[in-house]
């Protein structure tokens, strides 16, 4: 460790690296040392014969990968083992950017430890600065399943803590997609709907819009009940009952949906439904 640290310091001095970058490099090297004890794991694994490499990676990674929801669809043992062979372990310091909004998505990250924040500065889903958290088992970069060309990220993903995970490159994603049958692809689409942040945001807006619509209908019905014709023949007991019902309904309406009743026309529009995963035609 000391020898490597001296080599790193010499290199940073020779390249005139700014002090703030030097500090980040030092912190990353210390963090990586704590996790790997100085062993270049990927290089070591690549140097092994195929059968020994597969068995070793299966021992190291398979249990962690099985905890990832979208990998549960791979009931074919060999396919999950092939994914296990293709993943590469990665480490990130806190406050590191995984991908920035508007930049191409070059890899898919599978989070195995740590927390991240996913935000958008555009008007995605009709709201600026839509934000959500990612944690163990979540993924970032699922847009790579949509085809062969690198998609553009619609969100910025940043680490909140030290993060450990696996990455899959576009060629790895193509390999996985090309070996999924129709049933597995349908399950994959449903799984991404359940765990995708875009789908979660859309579902939240859809539920809110449905609730506002329900409140608006309820308010309209309550107002219709208020406008009972004066000539209607009602006895005193019925009149009191209707009056109390209307009063109670209006009170509940103001309490539960004050934001809707105050300015129903100011409600944000229902956003467009996110697109499902579309596999490349060449892989279909």
C-alpha atoms as a PDB file:
ATOM      1  CA  UNK A   1       0.000   0.000   0.000  1.00  0.00           C
ATOM      2  CA  UNK A   2       2.745   2.451   0.929  1.00  0.00           C
ATOM      3  CA  UNK A   3       4.648   1.734  -2.267  1.00  0.00           C
ATOM      4  CA  UNK A   4       1.559   2.242  -4.392  1.00  0.00           C
ATOM      5  CA  UNK A   5       0.723   5.432  -2.517  1.00  0.00           C
ATOM      6  CA  UNK A   6       4.220   6.795  -3.187  1.00  0.00           C
ATOM      7  CA  UNK A   7       3.883   5.943  -6.875  1.00  0.00           C
ATOM      8  CA  UNK A   8       0.522   7.694  -7.009  1.00  0.00           C
ATOM      9  CA  UNK A   9       1.911  10.791  -5.285  1.00  0.00           C
ATOM     10  CA  UNK A  10       4.839  10.923  -7.723  1.00  0.00           C
ATOM     11  CA  UNK A  11       2.490  10.618 -10.678  1.00  0.00           C
ATOM     12  CA  UNK A  12       0.172  13.376  -9.391  1.00  0.00           C
ATOM     13  CA  UNK A  13       3.129  15.693  -8.803  1.00  0.00           C
ATOM     14  CA  UNK A  14       4.583  14.957 -12.231  1.00  0.00           C
ATOM     15  CA  UNK A  15       1.224  15.644 -13.926  1.00  0.00           C
ATOM     16  CA  UNK A  16       0.610  18.754 -11.766  1.00  0.00           C
ATOM     17  CA  UNK A  17      -2.793  17.507 -10.618  1.00  0.00           C
ATOM     18  CA  UNK A  18      -4.800  20.190  -8.727  1.00  0.00           C
ATOM     19  CA  UNK A  19      -4.983  19.736  -4.976  1.00  0.00           C
ATOM     20  CA  UNK A  20      -8.747  19.105  -4.888  1.00  0.00           C
ATOM     21  CA  UNK A  21      -8.327  16.268  -7.410  1.00  0.00           C
ATOM     22  CA  UNK A  22      -5.375  14.887  -5.478  1.00  0.00           C
ATOM     23  CA  UNK A  23      -7.536  14.662  -2.373  1.00  0.00           C
ATOM     24  CA  UNK A  24     -10.294  12.819  -4.233  1.00  0.00           C
ATOM     25  CA  UNK A  25      -7.779  10.390  -5.748  1.00  0.00           C
ATOM     26  CA  UNK A  26      -6.286   9.709  -2.313  1.00  0.00           C
ATOM     27  CA  UNK A  27      -9.717   9.079  -0.801  1.00  0.00           C
ATOM     28  CA  UNK A  28     -10.656   6.741  -3.635  1.00  0.00           C
ATOM     29  CA  UNK A  29      -7.417   4.765  -3.343  1.00  0.00           C
ATOM     30  CA  UNK A  30      -7.934   4.406   0.419  1.00  0.00           C
ATOM     31  CA  UNK A  31     -11.538   3.299  -0.086  1.00  0.00           C
ATOM     32  CA  UNK A  32     -10.597   0.783  -2.784  1.00  0.00           C
ATOM     33  CA  UNK A  33      -7.812  -0.569  -0.584  1.00  0.00           C
ATOM     34  CA  UNK A  34     -10.272  -1.162   2.256  1.00  0.00           C
ATOM     35  CA  UNK A  35     -12.540  -3.115  -0.067  1.00  0.00           C
ATOM     36  CA  UNK A  36      -9.978  -5.108  -2.059  1.00  0.00           C
ATOM     37  CA  UNK A  37      -6.891  -5.113   0.189  1.00  0.00           C
ATOM     38  CA  UNK A  38      -4.866  -3.872  -2.749  1.00  0.00           C
ATOM     39  CA  UNK A  39      -5.726  -6.748  -5.087  1.00  0.00           C
ATOM     40  CA  UNK A  40      -6.647  -5.871  -8.679  1.00  0.00           C
ATOM     41  CA  UNK A  41      -9.551  -8.288  -8.669  1.00  0.00           C
ATOM     42  CA  UNK A  42     -10.693  -7.859 -12.273  1.00  0.00           C
ATOM     43  CA  UNK A  43      -7.188  -8.355 -13.652  1.00  0.00           C
ATOM     44  CA  UNK A  44      -6.713 -11.424 -11.483  1.00  0.00           C
ATOM     45  CA  UNK A  45     -10.014 -12.958 -12.586  1.00  0.00           C
ATOM     46  CA  UNK A  46      -9.292 -12.304 -16.272  1.00  0.00           C
ATOM     47  CA  UNK A  47      -5.994 -14.157 -15.941  1.00  0.00           C
ATOM     48  CA  UNK A  48      -7.702 -17.358 -14.761  1.00  0.00           C
ATOM     49  CA  UNK A  49      -8.769 -20.199 -17.082  1.00  0.00           C
ATOM     50  CA  UNK A  50     -12.409 -19.923 -18.132  1.00  0.00           C
ATOM     51  CA  UNK A  51     -13.801 -22.716 -15.972  1.00  0.00           C
ATOM     52  CA  UNK A  52     -11.921 -21.534 -12.883  1.00  0.00           C
ATOM     53  CA  UNK A  53     -12.912 -17.908 -13.563  1.00  0.00           C
ATOM     54  CA  UNK A  54     -16.598 -18.846 -13.895  1.00  0.00           C
ATOM     55  CA  UNK A  55     -16.576 -20.879 -10.704  1.00  0.00           C
ATOM     56  CA  UNK A  56     -14.808 -18.116  -8.779  1.00  0.00           C
ATOM     57  CA  UNK A  57     -17.107 -15.337 -10.028  1.00  0.00           C
ATOM     58  CA  UNK A  58     -20.116 -17.507  -9.322  1.00  0.00           C
ATOM     59  CA  UNK A  59     -18.945 -17.895  -5.736  1.00  0.00           C
ATOM     60  CA  UNK A  60     -18.217 -14.156  -5.370  1.00  0.00           C
ATOM     61  CA  UNK A  61     -21.153 -12.572  -7.198  1.00  0.00           C
ATOM     62  CA  UNK A  62     -24.051 -14.967  -7.772  1.00  0.00           C
ATOM     63  CA  UNK A  63     -25.805 -14.527  -4.416  1.00  0.00           C
ATOM     64  CA  UNK A  64     -25.674 -10.739  -4.738  1.00  0.00           C
ATOM     65  CA  UNK A  65     -27.030 -10.824  -8.296  1.00  0.00           C
ATOM     66  CA  UNK A  66     -29.932 -13.054  -7.270  1.00  0.00           C
ATOM     67  CA  UNK A  67     -31.131 -10.254  -4.971  1.00  0.00           C
ATOM     68  CA  UNK A  68     -31.600  -7.951  -7.974  1.00  0.00           C
ATOM     69  CA  UNK A  69     -35.332  -8.091  -8.920  1.00  0.00           C
ATOM     70  CA  UNK A  70     -35.002  -7.999 -12.707  1.00  0.00           C
ATOM     71  CA  UNK A  71     -32.479 -10.857 -12.690  1.00  0.00           C
ATOM     72  CA  UNK A  72     -35.046 -13.142 -11.056  1.00  0.00           C
ATOM     73  CA  UNK A  73     -36.676 -13.639 -14.459  1.00  0.00           C
ATOM     74  CA  UNK A  74     -33.636 -15.579 -15.645  1.00  0.00           C
ATOM     75  CA  UNK A  75     -34.795 -19.009 -14.607  1.00  0.00           C
ATOM     76  CA  UNK A  76     -32.237 -20.475 -17.022  1.00  0.00           C
ATOM     77  CA  UNK A  77     -29.252 -21.102 -14.795  1.00  0.00           C
ATOM     78  CA  UNK A  78     -26.699 -20.759 -17.580  1.00  0.00           C
ATOM     79  CA  UNK A  79     -27.941 -17.267 -18.531  1.00  0.00           C
ATOM     80  CA  UNK A  80     -27.630 -15.965 -14.984  1.00  0.00           C
ATOM     81  CA  UNK A  81     -24.175 -17.499 -14.790  1.00  0.00           C
ATOM     82  CA  UNK A  82     -23.282 -15.816 -18.083  1.00  0.00           C
ATOM     83  CA  UNK A  83     -24.372 -12.477 -16.609  1.00  0.00           C
ATOM     84  CA  UNK A  84     -22.299 -13.289 -13.539  1.00  0.00           C
ATOM     85  CA  UNK A  85     -19.263 -13.776 -15.792  1.00  0.00           C
ATOM     86  CA  UNK A  86     -19.829 -10.497 -17.660  1.00  0.00           C
ATOM     87  CA  UNK A  87     -20.373  -8.101 -14.749  1.00  0.00           C
ATOM     88  CA  UNK A  88     -17.484  -5.999 -13.490  1.00  0.00           C
ATOM     89  CA  UNK A  89     -17.260  -4.749  -9.921  1.00  0.00           C
ATOM     90  CA  UNK A  90     -17.006  -0.980  -9.406  1.00  0.00           C
ATOM     91  CA  UNK A  91     -16.594   1.416  -6.490  1.00  0.00           C
ATOM     92  CA  UNK A  92     -17.677   5.047  -6.167  1.00  0.00           C
ATOM     93  CA  UNK A  93     -16.964   7.679  -3.548  1.00  0.00           C
ATOM     94  CA  UNK A  94     -19.763   9.776  -2.086  1.00  0.00           C
ATOM     95  CA  UNK A  95     -20.843  12.721  -4.273  1.00  0.00           C
ATOM     96  CA  UNK A  96     -19.684  11.029  -7.475  1.00  0.00           C
ATOM     97  CA  UNK A  97     -21.711  11.379 -10.679  1.00  0.00           C
ATOM     98  CA  UNK A  98     -22.751   8.091 -12.278  1.00  0.00           C
ATOM     99  CA  UNK A  99     -24.440   9.721 -15.273  1.00  0.00           C
ATOM    100  CA  UNK A 100     -25.555  13.256 -16.082  1.00  0.00           C
ATOM    101  CA  UNK A 101     -28.796  14.332 -17.680  1.00  0.00           C
ATOM    102  CA  UNK A 102     -28.402  14.780 -21.426  1.00  0.00           C
ATOM    103  CA  UNK A 103     -25.276  12.599 -21.613  1.00  0.00           C
ATOM    104  CA  UNK A 104     -25.225   9.193 -23.339  1.00  0.00           C
ATOM    105  CA  UNK A 105     -25.853   6.133 -21.188  1.00  0.00           C
ATOM    106  CA  UNK A 106     -22.726   4.027 -21.652  1.00  0.00           C
ATOM    107  CA  UNK A 107     -23.254   1.327 -19.017  1.00  0.00           C
ATOM    108  CA  UNK A 108     -25.837  -0.089 -16.657  1.00  0.00           C
ATOM    109  CA  UNK A 109     -25.072  -0.001 -12.943  1.00  0.00           C
ATOM    110  CA  UNK A 110     -26.440  -2.628 -10.555  1.00  0.00           C
ATOM    111  CA  UNK A 111     -26.264  -1.259  -7.004  1.00  0.00           C
ATOM    112  CA  UNK A 112     -25.227  -3.782  -4.351  1.00  0.00           C
ATOM    113  CA  UNK A 113     -24.365  -1.396  -1.504  1.00  0.00           C
ATOM    114  CA  UNK A 114     -24.862   2.302  -0.829  1.00  0.00           C
ATOM    115  CA  UNK A 115     -27.357   5.038  -1.674  1.00  0.00           C
ATOM    116  CA  UNK A 116     -27.731   7.275  -4.710  1.00  0.00           C
ATOM    117  CA  UNK A 117     -29.936  10.199  -5.734  1.00  0.00           C
ATOM    118  CA  UNK A 118     -31.649  10.392  -9.121  1.00  0.00           C
ATOM    119  CA  UNK A 119     -32.863  13.840 -10.213  1.00  0.00           C
ATOM    120  CA  UNK A 120     -33.952  15.678 -13.324  1.00  0.00           C
ATOM    121  CA  UNK A 121     -33.661  19.405 -13.987  1.00  0.00           C
ATOM    122  CA  UNK A 122     -35.956  19.272 -17.012  1.00  0.00           C
ATOM    123  CA  UNK A 123     -39.749  19.235 -16.963  1.00  0.00           C
ATOM    124  CA  UNK A 124     -39.921  15.450 -16.863  1.00  0.00           C
ATOM    125  CA  UNK A 125     -43.397  14.351 -15.768  1.00  0.00           C
ATOM    126  CA  UNK A 126     -44.433  18.004 -15.798  1.00  0.00           C
ATOM    127  CA  UNK A 127     -42.403  18.872 -12.689  1.00  0.00           C
ATOM    128  CA  UNK A 128     -38.958  20.388 -12.359  1.00  0.00           C
ATOM    129  CA  UNK A 129     -36.388  18.791 -10.020  1.00  0.00           C
ATOM    130  CA  UNK A 130     -38.192  15.463  -9.721  1.00  0.00           C
ATOM    131  CA  UNK A 131     -36.061  13.472  -7.242  1.00  0.00           C
ATOM    132  CA  UNK A 132     -35.888   9.906  -5.932  1.00  0.00           C
ATOM    133  CA  UNK A 133     -33.392   7.643  -4.165  1.00  0.00           C
ATOM    134  CA  UNK A 134     -31.705   4.451  -5.357  1.00  0.00           C
ATOM    135  CA  UNK A 135     -30.344   1.733  -3.088  1.00  0.00           C
ATOM    136  CA  UNK A 136     -29.357  -1.944  -2.947  1.00  0.00           C
ATOM    137  CA  UNK A 137     -30.905  -3.941  -5.797  1.00  0.00           C
ATOM    138  CA  UNK A 138     -31.799  -0.888  -7.902  1.00  0.00           C
ATOM    139  CA  UNK A 139     -30.315  -0.250 -11.316  1.00  0.00           C
ATOM    140  CA  UNK A 140     -29.286   2.768 -13.349  1.00  0.00           C
ATOM    141  CA  UNK A 141     -29.046   2.684 -17.141  1.00  0.00           C
ATOM    142  CA  UNK A 142     -31.892   0.329 -18.042  1.00  0.00           C
ATOM    143  CA  UNK A 143     -32.463   2.420 -21.198  1.00  0.00           C
ATOM    144  CA  UNK A 144     -29.702   0.347 -22.803  1.00  0.00           C
ATOM    145  CA  UNK A 145     -32.280  -2.420 -23.275  1.00  0.00           C
ATOM    146  CA  UNK A 146     -34.118  -0.237 -25.810  1.00  0.00           C
ATOM    147  CA  UNK A 147     -31.748  -0.856 -28.692  1.00  0.00           C
ATOM    148  CA  UNK A 148     -28.270  -0.824 -30.113  1.00  0.00           C
ATOM    149  CA  UNK A 149     -27.676   2.933 -30.067  1.00  0.00           C
ATOM    150  CA  UNK A 150     -26.575   4.631 -26.861  1.00  0.00           C
ATOM    151  CA  UNK A 151     -29.645   6.365 -25.378  1.00  0.00           C
ATOM    152  CA  UNK A 152     -29.546   9.806 -23.787  1.00  0.00           C
ATOM    153  CA  UNK A 153     -30.021   9.925 -20.040  1.00  0.00           C
ATOM    154  CA  UNK A 154     -33.121  11.780 -18.854  1.00  0.00           C
ATOM    155  CA  UNK A 155     -31.820  11.981 -15.284  1.00  0.00           C
ATOM    156  CA  UNK A 156     -28.712  12.810 -13.268  1.00  0.00           C
ATOM    157  CA  UNK A 157     -27.619  10.071 -10.869  1.00  0.00           C
ATOM    158  CA  UNK A 158     -25.224  10.915  -8.045  1.00  0.00           C
ATOM    159  CA  UNK A 159     -23.932   8.889  -5.089  1.00  0.00           C
ATOM    160  CA  UNK A 160     -24.934   9.970  -1.584  1.00  0.00           C
ATOM    161  CA  UNK A 161     -22.622   7.499   0.155  1.00  0.00           C
ATOM    162  CA  UNK A 162     -19.803   5.208  -0.856  1.00  0.00           C
ATOM    163  CA  UNK A 163     -21.325   2.857  -3.419  1.00  0.00           C
ATOM    164  CA  UNK A 164     -20.387  -0.615  -4.560  1.00  0.00           C
ATOM    165  CA  UNK A 165     -21.938  -2.405  -7.501  1.00  0.00           C
ATOM    166  CA  UNK A 166     -21.584  -4.103 -10.861  1.00  0.00           C
ATOM    167  CA  UNK A 167     -21.656  -2.669 -14.357  1.00  0.00           C
ATOM    168  CA  UNK A 168     -22.809  -4.182 -17.635  1.00  0.00           C
ATOM    169  CA  UNK A 169     -21.700  -2.672 -20.942  1.00  0.00           C
ATOM    170  CA  UNK A 170     -23.948  -2.279 -24.040  1.00  0.00           C
ATOM    171  CA  UNK A 171     -22.595  -5.481 -25.609  1.00  0.00           C
ATOM    172  CA  UNK A 172     -23.440  -7.342 -22.404  1.00  0.00           C
ATOM    173  CA  UNK A 173     -27.003  -5.983 -22.506  1.00  0.00           C
ATOM    174  CA  UNK A 174     -27.366  -7.064 -26.151  1.00  0.00           C
ATOM    175  CA  UNK A 175     -26.201 -10.540 -25.217  1.00  0.00           C
ATOM    176  CA  UNK A 176     -28.764 -10.785 -22.413  1.00  0.00           C
ATOM    177  CA  UNK A 177     -31.617  -9.440 -24.554  1.00  0.00           C
ATOM    178  CA  UNK A 178     -30.825 -11.793 -27.443  1.00  0.00           C
ATOM    179  CA  UNK A 179     -31.160 -14.840 -25.177  1.00  0.00           C
ATOM    180  CA  UNK A 180     -34.469 -13.919 -23.536  1.00  0.00           C
ATOM    181  CA  UNK A 181     -37.577 -15.663 -24.812  1.00  0.00           C
ATOM    182  CA  UNK A 182     -40.893 -13.867 -25.316  1.00  0.00           C
ATOM    183  CA  UNK A 183     -42.198 -14.805 -21.872  1.00  0.00           C
ATOM    184  CA  UNK A 184     -39.015 -13.593 -20.174  1.00  0.00           C
ATOM    185  CA  UNK A 185     -39.123 -10.302 -22.087  1.00  0.00           C
ATOM    186  CA  UNK A 186     -42.688  -9.711 -20.949  1.00  0.00           C
ATOM    187  CA  UNK A 187     -41.662 -10.416 -17.352  1.00  0.00           C
ATOM    188  CA  UNK A 188     -38.707  -8.067 -17.776  1.00  0.00           C
ATOM    189  CA  UNK A 189     -41.004  -5.269 -18.973  1.00  0.00           C
ATOM    190  CA  UNK A 190     -43.326  -5.759 -16.004  1.00  0.00           C
ATOM    191  CA  UNK A 191     -40.386  -5.819 -13.603  1.00  0.00           C
ATOM    192  CA  UNK A 192     -38.989  -2.573 -14.991  1.00  0.00           C
ATOM    193  CA  UNK A 193     -42.432  -1.001 -14.715  1.00  0.00           C
ATOM    194  CA  UNK A 194     -42.469  -1.887 -11.029  1.00  0.00           C
ATOM    195  CA  UNK A 195     -38.950  -0.671 -10.212  1.00  0.00           C
ATOM    196  CA  UNK A 196     -38.282   2.030 -12.827  1.00  0.00           C
ATOM    197  CA  UNK A 197     -38.174   5.556 -11.379  1.00  0.00           C
ATOM    198  CA  UNK A 198     -39.883   6.957 -14.494  1.00  0.00           C
ATOM    199  CA  UNK A 199     -42.779   4.539 -14.115  1.00  0.00           C
ATOM    200  CA  UNK A 200     -43.032   5.237 -10.388  1.00  0.00           C
ATOM    201  CA  UNK A 201     -43.186   8.978 -11.029  1.00  0.00           C
ATOM    202  CA  UNK A 202     -45.815   8.532 -13.731  1.00  0.00           C
ATOM    203  CA  UNK A 203     -47.900   6.278 -11.457  1.00  0.00           C
ATOM    204  CA  UNK A 204     -47.780   8.887  -8.680  1.00  0.00           C
ATOM    205  CA  UNK A 205     -48.971  11.627 -11.042  1.00  0.00           C
ATOM    206  CA  UNK A 206     -51.670   9.366 -12.487  1.00  0.00           C
ATOM    207  CA  UNK A 207     -53.044   8.529  -9.029  1.00  0.00           C
ATOM    208  CA  UNK A 208     -53.017  12.215  -8.048  1.00  0.00           C
ATOM    209  CA  UNK A 209     -54.860  13.149 -11.244  1.00  0.00           C
ATOM    210  CA  UNK A 210     -57.460  10.428 -10.650  1.00  0.00           C
ATOM    211  CA  UNK A 211     -57.940  11.672  -7.081  1.00  0.00           C
ATOM    212  CA  UNK A 212     -58.430  15.261  -8.267  1.00  0.00           C
ATOM    213  CA  UNK A 213     -60.970  14.073 -10.825  1.00  0.00           C
ATOM    214  CA  UNK A 214     -62.831  12.157  -8.121  1.00  0.00           C
ATOM    215  CA  UNK A 215     -62.808  15.211  -5.835  1.00  0.00           C
ATOM    216  CA  UNK A 216     -64.088  17.417  -8.640  1.00  0.00           C
ATOM    217  CA  UNK A 217     -66.985  15.045  -9.341  1.00  0.00           C
ATOM    218  CA  UNK A 218     -67.742  14.824  -5.630  1.00  0.00           C
ATOM    219  CA  UNK A 219     -67.764  18.617  -5.303  1.00  0.00           C
ATOM    220  CA  UNK A 220     -70.010  18.955  -8.349  1.00  0.00           C
ATOM    221  CA  UNK A 221     -72.426  16.411  -6.927  1.00  0.00           C
ATOM    222  CA  UNK A 222     -72.423  18.192  -3.564  1.00  0.00           C
ATOM    223  CA  UNK A 223     -73.204  21.517  -5.227  1.00  0.00           C
ATOM    224  CA  UNK A 224     -76.048  19.895  -7.157  1.00  0.00           C
ATOM    225  CA  UNK A 225     -77.465  18.690  -3.863  1.00  0.00           C
ATOM    226  CA  UNK A 226     -77.269  22.252  -2.559  1.00  0.00           C
ATOM    227  CA  UNK A 227     -79.354  23.534  -5.475  1.00  0.00           C
ATOM    228  CA  UNK A 228     -82.512  21.638  -4.560  1.00  0.00           C
ATOM    229  CA  UNK A 229     -85.610  23.425  -5.997  1.00  0.00           C
ATOM    230  CA  UNK A 230     -87.485  25.463  -3.423  1.00  0.00           C
ATOM    231  CA  UNK A 231     -90.836  23.981  -4.450  1.00  0.00           C
ATOM    232  CA  UNK A 232     -89.810  20.436  -3.590  1.00  0.00           C
ATOM    233  CA  UNK A 233     -92.113  18.936  -0.992  1.00  0.00           C
ATOM    234  CA  UNK A 234     -89.825  17.876   1.892  1.00  0.00           C
ATOM    235  CA  UNK A 235     -90.771  17.499   5.465  1.00  0.00           C
ATOM    236  CA  UNK A 236     -88.727  19.189   8.172  1.00  0.00           C
ATOM    237  CA  UNK A 237     -86.783  16.061   9.144  1.00  0.00           C
ATOM    238  CA  UNK A 238     -85.710  15.397   5.545  1.00  0.00           C
ATOM    239  CA  UNK A 239     -84.664  19.008   5.075  1.00  0.00           C
ATOM    240  CA  UNK A 240     -82.500  18.931   8.188  1.00  0.00           C
ATOM    241  CA  UNK A 241     -80.938  15.614   7.111  1.00  0.00           C
ATOM    242  CA  UNK A 242     -80.019  16.935   3.650  1.00  0.00           C
ATOM    243  CA  UNK A 243     -78.656  20.169   5.130  1.00  0.00           C
ATOM    244  CA  UNK A 244     -76.433  18.299   7.565  1.00  0.00           C
ATOM    245  CA  UNK A 245     -75.260  15.904   4.840  1.00  0.00           C
ATOM    246  CA  UNK A 246     -74.296  18.759   2.526  1.00  0.00           C
ATOM    247  CA  UNK A 247     -72.551  20.650   5.333  1.00  0.00           C
ATOM    248  CA  UNK A 248     -70.567  17.565   6.350  1.00  0.00           C
ATOM    249  CA  UNK A 249     -69.622  16.775   2.759  1.00  0.00           C
ATOM    250  CA  UNK A 250     -68.362  20.306   2.192  1.00  0.00           C
ATOM    251  CA  UNK A 251     -66.293  20.173   5.390  1.00  0.00           C
ATOM    252  CA  UNK A 252     -64.691  16.882   4.350  1.00  0.00           C
ATOM    253  CA  UNK A 253     -64.081  18.264   0.893  1.00  0.00           C
ATOM    254  CA  UNK A 254     -62.255  21.337   2.237  1.00  0.00           C
ATOM    255  CA  UNK A 255     -60.234  19.230   4.686  1.00  0.00           C
ATOM    256  CA  UNK A 256     -59.099  16.438   2.342  1.00  0.00           C
ATOM    257  CA  UNK A 257     -58.703  18.270  -0.985  1.00  0.00           C
ATOM    258  CA  UNK A 258     -58.194  21.923  -0.251  1.00  0.00           C
ATOM    259  CA  UNK A 259     -55.648  22.200  -3.026  1.00  0.00           C
ATOM    260  CA  UNK A 260     -58.078  20.792  -5.560  1.00  0.00           C
ATOM    261  CA  UNK A 261     -61.089  22.913  -4.577  1.00  0.00           C
ATOM    262  CA  UNK A 262     -59.150  26.150  -4.371  1.00  0.00           C
ATOM    263  CA  UNK A 263     -57.910  26.067  -7.979  1.00  0.00           C
ATOM    264  CA  UNK A 264     -58.939  22.907  -9.833  1.00  0.00           C
ATOM    265  CA  UNK A 265     -57.918  24.354 -13.180  1.00  0.00           C
ATOM    266  CA  UNK A 266     -54.351  24.871 -11.931  1.00  0.00           C
ATOM    267  CA  UNK A 267     -53.691  21.121 -11.526  1.00  0.00           C
ATOM    268  CA  UNK A 268     -50.704  19.876 -13.518  1.00  0.00           C
ATOM    269  CA  UNK A 269     -51.580  17.849 -16.626  1.00  0.00           C
ATOM    270  CA  UNK A 270     -51.261  14.089 -16.601  1.00  0.00           C
ATOM    271  CA  UNK A 271     -47.803  13.282 -18.048  1.00  0.00           C
ATOM    272  CA  UNK A 272     -47.254  11.003 -20.997  1.00  0.00           C
ATOM    273  CA  UNK A 273     -47.062   7.344 -20.153  1.00  0.00           C
ATOM    274  CA  UNK A 274     -43.438   6.110 -20.218  1.00  0.00           C
ATOM    275  CA  UNK A 275     -42.483   3.815 -23.063  1.00  0.00           C
ATOM    276  CA  UNK A 276     -41.973   0.131 -22.390  1.00  0.00           C
ATOM    277  CA  UNK A 277     -38.638  -1.481 -23.110  1.00  0.00           C
ATOM    278  CA  UNK A 278     -38.265  -2.074 -26.842  1.00  0.00           C
ATOM    279  CA  UNK A 279     -35.671  -4.621 -27.773  1.00  0.00           C
ATOM    280  CA  UNK A 280     -33.635  -4.084 -30.920  1.00  0.00           C
ATOM    281  CA  UNK A 281     -35.188  -5.693 -33.991  1.00  0.00           C
ATOM    282  CA  UNK A 282     -31.984  -7.495 -34.766  1.00  0.00           C
ATOM    283  CA  UNK A 283     -32.186  -9.175 -31.396  1.00  0.00           C
ATOM    284  CA  UNK A 284     -35.889 -10.004 -31.488  1.00  0.00           C
END
